[in-house]
Full PDB file with SEQRES, HELIX, SHEET, SSBOND, CRYST1, ORIGX, SCALE, CONECT and MASTER records, all heavy atoms in Angstrom:
SEQRES   1 A   35  SER TRP ALA VAL LEU ALA SER ALA VAL ALA THR LEU VAL          
SEQRES   2 A   35  ALA TRP VAL LEU LEU LEU ALA PRO SER THR PRO ARG PRO          
SEQRES   3 A   35  MET TRP GLN LEU ALA VAL PHE ALA VAL                          
HELIX    1 AA1 TRP A    2  LEU A   19  1                                  18    
HELIX    2 AA2 MET A   27  ALA A   34  1                                   8    
CRYST1    1.000    1.000    1.000  90.00  90.00  90.00 P 1           1          
ORIGX1      1.000000  0.000000  0.000000        0.00000                         
ORIGX2      0.000000  1.000000  0.000000        0.00000                         
ORIGX3      0.000000  0.000000  1.000000        0.00000                         
SCALE1      1.000000  0.000000  0.000000        0.00000                         
SCALE2      0.000000  1.000000  0.000000        0.00000                         
SCALE3      0.000000  0.000000  1.000000        0.00000                         
ATOM      1  N   SER A   1      95.116 105.704 107.370  1.00  0.00           N  
ATOM      2  CA  SER A   1      96.076 106.801 107.530  1.00  0.00           C  
ATOM      3  C   SER A   1      97.539 106.314 107.556  1.00  0.00           C  
ATOM      4  O   SER A   1      98.396 107.071 107.291  1.00  0.00           O  
ATOM      5  CB  SER A   1      95.714 107.685 108.773  1.00  0.00           C  
ATOM      6  OG  SER A   1      95.797 106.841 109.933  1.00  0.00           O  
ATOM      7  N   TRP A   2      97.689 105.118 107.995  1.00  0.00           N  
ATOM      8  CA  TRP A   2      99.035 104.457 108.026  1.00  0.00           C  
ATOM      9  C   TRP A   2      99.666 104.416 106.592  1.00  0.00           C  
ATOM     10  O   TRP A   2     100.855 104.560 106.403  1.00  0.00           O  
ATOM     11  CB  TRP A   2      99.111 103.211 108.819  1.00  0.00           C  
ATOM     12  CG  TRP A   2      99.076 103.347 110.282  1.00  0.00           C  
ATOM     13  CD1 TRP A   2      97.959 103.123 111.031  1.00  0.00           C  
ATOM     14  CD2 TRP A   2     100.112 103.766 111.124  1.00  0.00           C  
ATOM     15  NE1 TRP A   2      98.229 103.428 112.345  1.00  0.00           N  
ATOM     16  CE2 TRP A   2      99.594 103.846 112.433  1.00  0.00           C  
ATOM     17  CE3 TRP A   2     101.396 104.268 110.920  1.00  0.00           C  
ATOM     18  CZ2 TRP A   2     100.266 104.207 113.540  1.00  0.00           C  
ATOM     19  CZ3 TRP A   2     102.211 104.666 112.016  1.00  0.00           C  
ATOM     20  CH2 TRP A   2     101.640 104.638 113.247  1.00  0.00           C  
ATOM     21  N   ALA A   3      98.820 104.115 105.703  1.00  0.00           N  
ATOM     22  CA  ALA A   3      99.347 104.117 104.259  1.00  0.00           C  
ATOM     23  C   ALA A   3      99.800 105.387 103.763  1.00  0.00           C  
ATOM     24  O   ALA A   3     100.778 105.554 103.197  1.00  0.00           O  
ATOM     25  CB  ALA A   3      98.183 103.491 103.332  1.00  0.00           C  
ATOM     26  N   VAL A   4      99.001 106.489 104.110  1.00  0.00           N  
ATOM     27  CA  VAL A   4      99.373 107.772 103.820  1.00  0.00           C  
ATOM     28  C   VAL A   4     100.716 108.261 104.379  1.00  0.00           C  
ATOM     29  O   VAL A   4     101.551 108.692 103.798  1.00  0.00           O  
ATOM     30  CB  VAL A   4      98.221 108.757 104.266  1.00  0.00           C  
ATOM     31  CG1 VAL A   4      98.613 110.239 103.972  1.00  0.00           C  
ATOM     32  CG2 VAL A   4      96.938 108.439 103.593  1.00  0.00           C  
ATOM     33  N   LEU A   5     100.829 107.945 105.718  1.00  0.00           N  
ATOM     34  CA  LEU A   5     102.055 108.422 106.303  1.00  0.00           C  
ATOM     35  C   LEU A   5     103.302 107.631 105.944  1.00  0.00           C  
ATOM     36  O   LEU A   5     104.425 108.178 105.786  1.00  0.00           O  
ATOM     37  CB  LEU A   5     101.950 108.159 107.900  1.00  0.00           C  
ATOM     38  CG  LEU A   5     100.873 109.271 108.532  1.00  0.00           C  
ATOM     39  CD1 LEU A   5     100.593 108.743 110.032  1.00  0.00           C  
ATOM     40  CD2 LEU A   5     101.370 110.616 108.418  1.00  0.00           C  
ATOM     41  N   ALA A   6     103.153 106.259 105.670  1.00  0.00           N  
ATOM     42  CA  ALA A   6     104.249 105.407 105.156  1.00  0.00           C  
ATOM     43  C   ALA A   6     104.668 105.923 103.781  1.00  0.00           C  
ATOM     44  O   ALA A   6     105.868 106.045 103.505  1.00  0.00           O  
ATOM     45  CB  ALA A   6     103.693 103.960 105.053  1.00  0.00           C  
ATOM     46  N   SER A   7     103.696 106.288 102.962  1.00  0.00           N  
ATOM     47  CA  SER A   7     104.070 106.861 101.648  1.00  0.00           C  
ATOM     48  C   SER A   7     104.786 108.116 101.799  1.00  0.00           C  
ATOM     49  O   SER A   7     105.909 108.406 101.041  1.00  0.00           O  
ATOM     50  CB  SER A   7     102.829 107.094 100.809  1.00  0.00           C  
ATOM     51  OG  SER A   7     103.122 107.726  99.553  1.00  0.00           O  
ATOM     52  N   ALA A   8     104.416 108.934 102.709  1.00  0.00           N  
ATOM     53  CA  ALA A   8     105.051 110.285 102.858  1.00  0.00           C  
ATOM     54  C   ALA A   8     106.541 110.130 103.332  1.00  0.00           C  
ATOM     55  O   ALA A   8     107.413 110.773 102.938  1.00  0.00           O  
ATOM     56  CB  ALA A   8     104.352 111.142 103.935  1.00  0.00           C  
ATOM     57  N   VAL A   9     106.754 109.153 104.346  1.00  0.00           N  
ATOM     58  CA  VAL A   9     108.077 108.888 104.776  1.00  0.00           C  
ATOM     59  C   VAL A   9     108.993 108.409 103.568  1.00  0.00           C  
ATOM     60  O   VAL A   9     110.203 108.864 103.397  1.00  0.00           O  
ATOM     61  CB  VAL A   9     108.078 107.999 105.961  1.00  0.00           C  
ATOM     62  CG1 VAL A   9     109.512 107.523 106.362  1.00  0.00           C  
ATOM     63  CG2 VAL A   9     107.416 108.580 107.154  1.00  0.00           C  
ATOM     64  N   ALA A  10     108.454 107.444 102.830  1.00  0.00           N  
ATOM     65  CA  ALA A  10     109.258 106.879 101.711  1.00  0.00           C  
ATOM     66  C   ALA A  10     109.584 108.031 100.622  1.00  0.00           C  
ATOM     67  O   ALA A  10     110.654 107.982 100.128  1.00  0.00           O  
ATOM     68  CB  ALA A  10     108.473 105.746 101.082  1.00  0.00           C  
ATOM     69  N   THR A  11     108.644 108.829 100.454  1.00  0.00           N  
ATOM     70  CA  THR A  11     108.875 109.902  99.546  1.00  0.00           C  
ATOM     71  C   THR A  11     109.955 110.829 100.011  1.00  0.00           C  
ATOM     72  O   THR A  11     110.914 111.263  99.202  1.00  0.00           O  
ATOM     73  CB  THR A  11     107.581 110.772  99.241  1.00  0.00           C  
ATOM     74  OG1 THR A  11     106.568 109.852  98.664  1.00  0.00           O  
ATOM     75  CG2 THR A  11     107.780 111.950  98.315  1.00  0.00           C  
ATOM     76  N   LEU A  12     109.945 111.200 101.209  1.00  0.00           N  
ATOM     77  CA  LEU A  12     110.942 112.132 101.834  1.00  0.00           C  
ATOM     78  C   LEU A  12     112.351 111.405 101.721  1.00  0.00           C  
ATOM     79  O   LEU A  12     113.319 112.118 101.273  1.00  0.00           O  
ATOM     80  CB  LEU A  12     110.670 112.368 103.300  1.00  0.00           C  
ATOM     81  CG  LEU A  12     111.669 113.197 104.060  1.00  0.00           C  
ATOM     82  CD1 LEU A  12     111.827 114.609 103.443  1.00  0.00           C  
ATOM     83  CD2 LEU A  12     111.302 113.322 105.563  1.00  0.00           C  
ATOM     84  N   VAL A  13     112.536 110.155 101.965  1.00  0.00           N  
ATOM     85  CA  VAL A  13     113.692 109.462 101.905  1.00  0.00           C  
ATOM     86  C   VAL A  13     114.262 109.511 100.438  1.00  0.00           C  
ATOM     87  O   VAL A  13     115.420 109.659 100.095  1.00  0.00           O  
ATOM     88  CB  VAL A  13     113.669 107.985 102.440  1.00  0.00           C  
ATOM     89  CG1 VAL A  13     114.876 107.208 102.115  1.00  0.00           C  
ATOM     90  CG2 VAL A  13     113.322 108.056 103.915  1.00  0.00           C  
ATOM     91  N   ALA A  14     113.355 109.202  99.482  1.00  0.00           N  
ATOM     92  CA  ALA A  14     113.711 109.164  98.108  1.00  0.00           C  
ATOM     93  C   ALA A  14     114.338 110.521  97.648  1.00  0.00           C  
ATOM     94  O   ALA A  14     115.289 110.564  96.914  1.00  0.00           O  
ATOM     95  CB  ALA A  14     112.490 108.746  97.227  1.00  0.00           C  
ATOM     96  N   TRP A  15     113.607 111.642  98.042  1.00  0.00           N  
ATOM     97  CA  TRP A  15     114.097 113.002  97.705  1.00  0.00           C  
ATOM     98  C   TRP A  15     115.505 113.271  98.265  1.00  0.00           C  
ATOM     99  O   TRP A  15     116.399 113.868  97.583  1.00  0.00           O  
ATOM    100  CB  TRP A  15     113.113 114.063  98.227  1.00  0.00           C  
ATOM    101  CG  TRP A  15     111.956 114.316  97.212  1.00  0.00           C  
ATOM    102  CD1 TRP A  15     110.665 114.099  97.386  1.00  0.00           C  
ATOM    103  CD2 TRP A  15     112.005 114.907  95.927  1.00  0.00           C  
ATOM    104  NE1 TRP A  15     109.882 114.529  96.350  1.00  0.00           N  
ATOM    105  CE2 TRP A  15     110.800 115.050  95.341  1.00  0.00           C  
ATOM    106  CE3 TRP A  15     113.102 115.308  95.087  1.00  0.00           C  
ATOM    107  CZ2 TRP A  15     110.531 115.505  94.122  1.00  0.00           C  
ATOM    108  CZ3 TRP A  15     112.914 115.802  93.823  1.00  0.00           C  
ATOM    109  CH2 TRP A  15     111.631 115.924  93.295  1.00  0.00           C  
ATOM    110  N   VAL A  16     115.659 112.904  99.513  1.00  0.00           N  
ATOM    111  CA  VAL A  16     116.958 113.149 100.185  1.00  0.00           C  
ATOM    112  C   VAL A  16     118.062 112.375  99.478  1.00  0.00           C  
ATOM    113  O   VAL A  16     119.187 112.985  99.215  1.00  0.00           O  
ATOM    114  CB  VAL A  16     116.840 112.752 101.637  1.00  0.00           C  
ATOM    115  CG1 VAL A  16     118.264 112.800 102.339  1.00  0.00           C  
ATOM    116  CG2 VAL A  16     115.910 113.697 102.434  1.00  0.00           C  
ATOM    117  N   LEU A  17     117.806 111.153  99.143  1.00  0.00           N  
ATOM    118  CA  LEU A  17     118.867 110.383  98.509  1.00  0.00           C  
ATOM    119  C   LEU A  17     119.175 110.918  97.098  1.00  0.00           C  
ATOM    120  O   LEU A  17     120.287 110.760  96.561  1.00  0.00           O  
ATOM    121  CB  LEU A  17     118.457 108.928  98.416  1.00  0.00           C  
ATOM    122  CG  LEU A  17     118.408 108.165  99.793  1.00  0.00           C  
ATOM    123  CD1 LEU A  17     117.903 106.747  99.651  1.00  0.00           C  
ATOM    124  CD2 LEU A  17     119.759 108.231 100.468  1.00  0.00           C  
ATOM    125  N   LEU A  18     118.166 111.525  96.480  1.00  0.00           N  
ATOM    126  CA  LEU A  18     118.396 112.035  95.130  1.00  0.00           C  
ATOM    127  C   LEU A  18     119.098 113.390  95.153  1.00  0.00           C  
ATOM    128  O   LEU A  18     119.974 113.658  94.335  1.00  0.00           O  
ATOM    129  CB  LEU A  18     116.991 112.245  94.436  1.00  0.00           C  
ATOM    130  CG  LEU A  18     117.064 112.818  93.055  1.00  0.00           C  
ATOM    131  CD1 LEU A  18     117.695 111.751  91.945  1.00  0.00           C  
ATOM    132  CD2 LEU A  18     115.685 113.243  92.517  1.00  0.00           C  
ATOM    133  N   LEU A  19     118.682 114.263  96.017  1.00  0.00           N  
ATOM    134  CA  LEU A  19     119.203 115.644  96.059  1.00  0.00           C  
ATOM    135  C   LEU A  19     120.490 115.855  96.869  1.00  0.00           C  
ATOM    136  O   LEU A  19     121.169 116.858  96.660  1.00  0.00           O  
ATOM    137  CB  LEU A  19     118.155 116.562  96.590  1.00  0.00           C  
ATOM    138  CG  LEU A  19     116.819 116.584  95.789  1.00  0.00           C  
ATOM    139  CD1 LEU A  19     115.772 117.490  96.445  1.00  0.00           C  
ATOM    140  CD2 LEU A  19     117.093 117.003  94.314  1.00  0.00           C  
ATOM    141  N   ALA A  20     120.763 114.987  97.769  1.00  0.00           N  
ATOM    142  CA  ALA A  20     122.051 115.165  98.715  1.00  0.00           C  
ATOM    143  C   ALA A  20     123.289 115.194  97.865  1.00  0.00           C  
ATOM    144  O   ALA A  20     124.129 116.062  98.022  1.00  0.00           O  
ATOM    145  CB  ALA A  20     122.047 114.221  99.809  1.00  0.00           C  
ATOM    146  N   PRO A  21     123.474 114.284  96.919  1.00  0.00           N  
ATOM    147  CA  PRO A  21     124.716 114.292  96.160  1.00  0.00           C  
ATOM    148  C   PRO A  21     124.726 115.521  95.166  1.00  0.00           C  
ATOM    149  O   PRO A  21     123.637 115.903  94.676  1.00  0.00           O  
ATOM    150  CB  PRO A  21     124.727 113.023  95.408  1.00  0.00           C  
ATOM    151  CG  PRO A  21     123.752 112.152  96.149  1.00  0.00           C  
ATOM    152  CD  PRO A  21     122.749 113.032  96.738  1.00  0.00           C  
ATOM    153  N   SER A  22     125.855 116.020  94.805  1.00  0.00           N  
ATOM    154  CA  SER A  22     125.943 117.255  94.013  1.00  0.00           C  
ATOM    155  C   SER A  22     126.247 116.851  92.482  1.00  0.00           C  
ATOM    156  O   SER A  22     126.533 117.650  91.775  1.00  0.00           O  
ATOM    157  CB  SER A  22     127.086 118.161  94.509  1.00  0.00           C  
ATOM    158  OG  SER A  22     128.329 117.531  94.526  1.00  0.00           O  
ATOM    159  N   THR A  23     126.264 115.538  92.244  1.00  0.00           N  
ATOM    160  CA  THR A  23     126.431 115.076  90.905  1.00  0.00           C  
ATOM    161  C   THR A  23     125.301 114.236  90.383  1.00  0.00           C  
ATOM    162  O   THR A  23     124.431 113.829  91.100  1.00  0.00           O  
ATOM    163  CB  THR A  23     127.630 114.151  90.893  1.00  0.00           C  
ATOM    164  OG1 THR A  23     127.402 113.069  91.784  1.00  0.00           O  
ATOM    165  CG2 THR A  23     128.876 114.854  91.236  1.00  0.00           C  
ATOM    166  N   PRO A  24     125.064 114.150  89.011  1.00  0.00           N  
ATOM    167  CA  PRO A  24     123.975 113.396  88.439  1.00  0.00           C  
ATOM    168  C   PRO A  24     123.970 112.005  88.980  1.00  0.00           C  
ATOM    169  O   PRO A  24     124.982 111.397  89.192  1.00  0.00           O  
ATOM    170  CB  PRO A  24     124.216 113.413  86.896  1.00  0.00           C  
ATOM    171  CG  PRO A  24     124.992 114.697  86.779  1.00  0.00           C  
ATOM    172  CD  PRO A  24     125.892 114.809  87.910  1.00  0.00           C  
ATOM    173  N   ARG A  25     122.743 111.523  89.112  1.00  0.00           N  
ATOM    174  CA  ARG A  25     122.584 110.169  89.653  1.00  0.00           C  
ATOM    175  C   ARG A  25     122.544 109.122  88.506  1.00  0.00           C  
ATOM    176  O   ARG A  25     122.176 109.404  87.430  1.00  0.00           O  
ATOM    177  CB  ARG A  25     121.304 110.080  90.436  1.00  0.00           C  
ATOM    178  CG  ARG A  25     121.233 111.017  91.731  1.00  0.00           C  
ATOM    179  CD  ARG A  25     122.250 110.594  92.765  1.00  0.00           C  
ATOM    180  NE  ARG A  25     123.568 111.104  92.473  1.00  0.00           N  
ATOM    181  CZ  ARG A  25     124.758 110.486  92.954  1.00  0.00           C  
ATOM    182  NH1 ARG A  25     124.693 109.342  93.704  1.00  0.00           N  
ATOM    183  NH2 ARG A  25     125.879 111.020  92.667  1.00  0.00           N  
ATOM    184  N   PRO A  26     122.989 107.890  88.924  1.00  0.00           N  
ATOM    185  CA  PRO A  26     122.827 106.789  87.906  1.00  0.00           C  
ATOM    186  C   PRO A  26     121.438 106.559  87.491  1.00  0.00           C  
ATOM    187  O   PRO A  26     120.479 106.804  88.346  1.00  0.00           O  
ATOM    188  CB  PRO A  26     123.520 105.588  88.558  1.00  0.00           C  
ATOM    189  CG  PRO A  26     123.559 105.931  90.044  1.00  0.00           C  
ATOM    190  CD  PRO A  26     123.560 107.408  90.111  1.00  0.00           C  
ATOM    191  N   MET A  27     121.243 105.957  86.351  1.00  0.00           N  
ATOM    192  CA  MET A  27     119.905 105.590  85.926  1.00  0.00           C  
ATOM    193  C   MET A  27     119.107 104.708  86.867  1.00  0.00           C  
ATOM    194  O   MET A  27     117.949 104.917  87.095  1.00  0.00           O  
ATOM    195  CB  MET A  27     119.955 104.936  84.565  1.00  0.00           C  
ATOM    196  CG  MET A  27     118.578 104.743  83.849  1.00  0.00           C  
ATOM    197  SD  MET A  27     117.837 106.405  83.520  1.00  0.00           S  
ATOM    198  CE  MET A  27     116.369 105.804  82.673  1.00  0.00           C  
ATOM    199  N   TRP A  28     119.823 103.744  87.491  1.00  0.00           N  
ATOM    200  CA  TRP A  28     119.014 102.818  88.409  1.00  0.00           C  
ATOM    201  C   TRP A  28     118.494 103.616  89.615  1.00  0.00           C  
ATOM    202  O   TRP A  28     117.354 103.299  90.066  1.00  0.00           O  
ATOM    203  CB  TRP A  28     119.984 101.761  88.932  1.00  0.00           C  
ATOM    204  CG  TRP A  28     121.015 102.073  89.898  1.00  0.00           C  
ATOM    205  CD1 TRP A  28     122.367 102.369  89.510  1.00  0.00           C  
ATOM    206  CD2 TRP A  28     120.941 102.254  91.268  1.00  0.00           C  
ATOM    207  NE1 TRP A  28     123.098 102.733  90.702  1.00  0.00           N  
ATOM    208  CE2 TRP A  28     122.209 102.613  91.753  1.00  0.00           C  
ATOM    209  CE3 TRP A  28     119.852 102.102  92.221  1.00  0.00           C  
ATOM    210  CZ2 TRP A  28     122.540 102.894  93.050  1.00  0.00           C  
ATOM    211  CZ3 TRP A  28     120.126 102.368  93.511  1.00  0.00           C  
ATOM    212  CH2 TRP A  28     121.404 102.790  93.963  1.00  0.00           C  
ATOM    213  N   GLN A  29     119.256 104.639  90.104  1.00  0.00           N  
ATOM    214  CA  GLN A  29     118.721 105.323  91.230  1.00  0.00           C  
ATOM    215  C   GLN A  29     117.566 106.263  90.830  1.00  0.00           C  
ATOM    216  O   GLN A  29     116.633 106.494  91.644  1.00  0.00           O  
ATOM    217  CB  GLN A  29     119.807 106.224  91.888  1.00  0.00           C  
ATOM    218  CG  GLN A  29     119.365 106.996  93.169  1.00  0.00           C  
ATOM    219  CD  GLN A  29     120.429 107.695  93.847  1.00  0.00           C  
ATOM    220  OE1 GLN A  29     121.608 107.562  93.575  1.00  0.00           O  
ATOM    221  NE2 GLN A  29     120.093 108.623  94.752  1.00  0.00           N  
ATOM    222  N   LEU A  30     117.628 106.871  89.561  1.00  0.00           N  
ATOM    223  CA  LEU A  30     116.508 107.714  89.151  1.00  0.00           C  
ATOM    224  C   LEU A  30     115.264 106.720  89.050  1.00  0.00           C  
ATOM    225  O   LEU A  30     114.085 107.192  89.226  1.00  0.00           O  
ATOM    226  CB  LEU A  30     116.889 108.288  87.767  1.00  0.00           C  
ATOM    227  CG  LEU A  30     118.031 109.357  87.927  1.00  0.00           C  
ATOM    228  CD1 LEU A  30     118.313 109.833  86.445  1.00  0.00           C  
ATOM    229  CD2 LEU A  30     117.669 110.468  88.801  1.00  0.00           C  
ATOM    230  N   ALA A  31     115.526 105.503  88.541  1.00  0.00           N  
ATOM    231  CA  ALA A  31     114.402 104.590  88.354  1.00  0.00           C  
ATOM    232  C   ALA A  31     113.824 104.270  89.776  1.00  0.00           C  
ATOM    233  O   ALA A  31     112.501 104.255  89.872  1.00  0.00           O  
ATOM    234  CB  ALA A  31     114.877 103.366  87.674  1.00  0.00           C  
ATOM    235  N   VAL A  32     114.553 104.070  90.794  1.00  0.00           N  
ATOM    236  CA  VAL A  32     114.028 103.680  92.024  1.00  0.00           C  
ATOM    237  C   VAL A  32     113.277 104.877  92.571  1.00  0.00           C  
ATOM    238  O   VAL A  32     112.206 104.785  93.250  1.00  0.00           O  
ATOM    239  CB  VAL A  32     115.140 103.398  93.036  1.00  0.00           C  
ATOM    240  CG1 VAL A  32     114.655 103.223  94.449  1.00  0.00           C  
ATOM    241  CG2 VAL A  32     115.782 102.079  92.601  1.00  0.00           C  
ATOM    242  N   PHE A  33     113.791 106.098  92.366  1.00  0.00           N  
ATOM    243  CA  PHE A  33     113.126 107.336  92.840  1.00  0.00           C  
ATOM    244  C   PHE A  33     111.827 107.494  92.201  1.00  0.00           C  
ATOM    245  O   PHE A  33     110.755 107.823  92.850  1.00  0.00           O  
ATOM    246  CB  PHE A  33     114.077 108.457  92.439  1.00  0.00           C  
ATOM    247  CG  PHE A  33     113.366 109.773  92.572  1.00  0.00           C  
ATOM    248  CD1 PHE A  33     113.127 110.414  93.823  1.00  0.00           C  
ATOM    249  CD2 PHE A  33     112.966 110.590  91.473  1.00  0.00           C  
ATOM    250  CE1 PHE A  33     112.513 111.663  93.873  1.00  0.00           C  
ATOM    251  CE2 PHE A  33     112.321 111.776  91.548  1.00  0.00           C  
ATOM    252  CZ  PHE A  33     112.129 112.329  92.847  1.00  0.00           C  
ATOM    253  N   ALA A  34     111.667 107.228  90.809  1.00  0.00           N  
ATOM    254  CA  ALA A  34     110.439 107.304  90.146  1.00  0.00           C  
ATOM    255  C   ALA A  34     109.419 106.284  90.727  1.00  0.00           C  
ATOM    256  O   ALA A  34     108.214 106.630  90.799  1.00  0.00           O  
ATOM    257  CB  ALA A  34     110.660 107.087  88.651  1.00  0.00           C  
ATOM    258  N   VAL A  35     109.881 105.141  91.045  1.00  0.00           N  
ATOM    259  CA  VAL A  35     109.012 104.067  91.542  1.00  0.00           C  
ATOM    260  C   VAL A  35     108.448 104.509  92.917  1.00  0.00           C  
ATOM    261  O   VAL A  35     107.213 104.429  93.213  1.00  0.00           O  
ATOM    262  CB  VAL A  35     109.735 102.699  91.716  1.00  0.00           C  
ATOM    263  CG1 VAL A  35     108.878 101.730  92.491  1.00  0.00           C  
ATOM    264  CG2 VAL A  35     110.076 102.178  90.358  1.00  0.00           C  
TER     265      VAL A  35                                                      
MASTER        0    0    0    2    0    0    0    6  264    1    0    3          
END                                                                             
């Protein structure tokens, strides 16, 4: 279950970093988000 919860936390952080700015993100950040 720790793998499940760790993945959930990482996903939440990725979404926040993507959606918080009001401008398009650079390609490298979109790539990290996808990973």
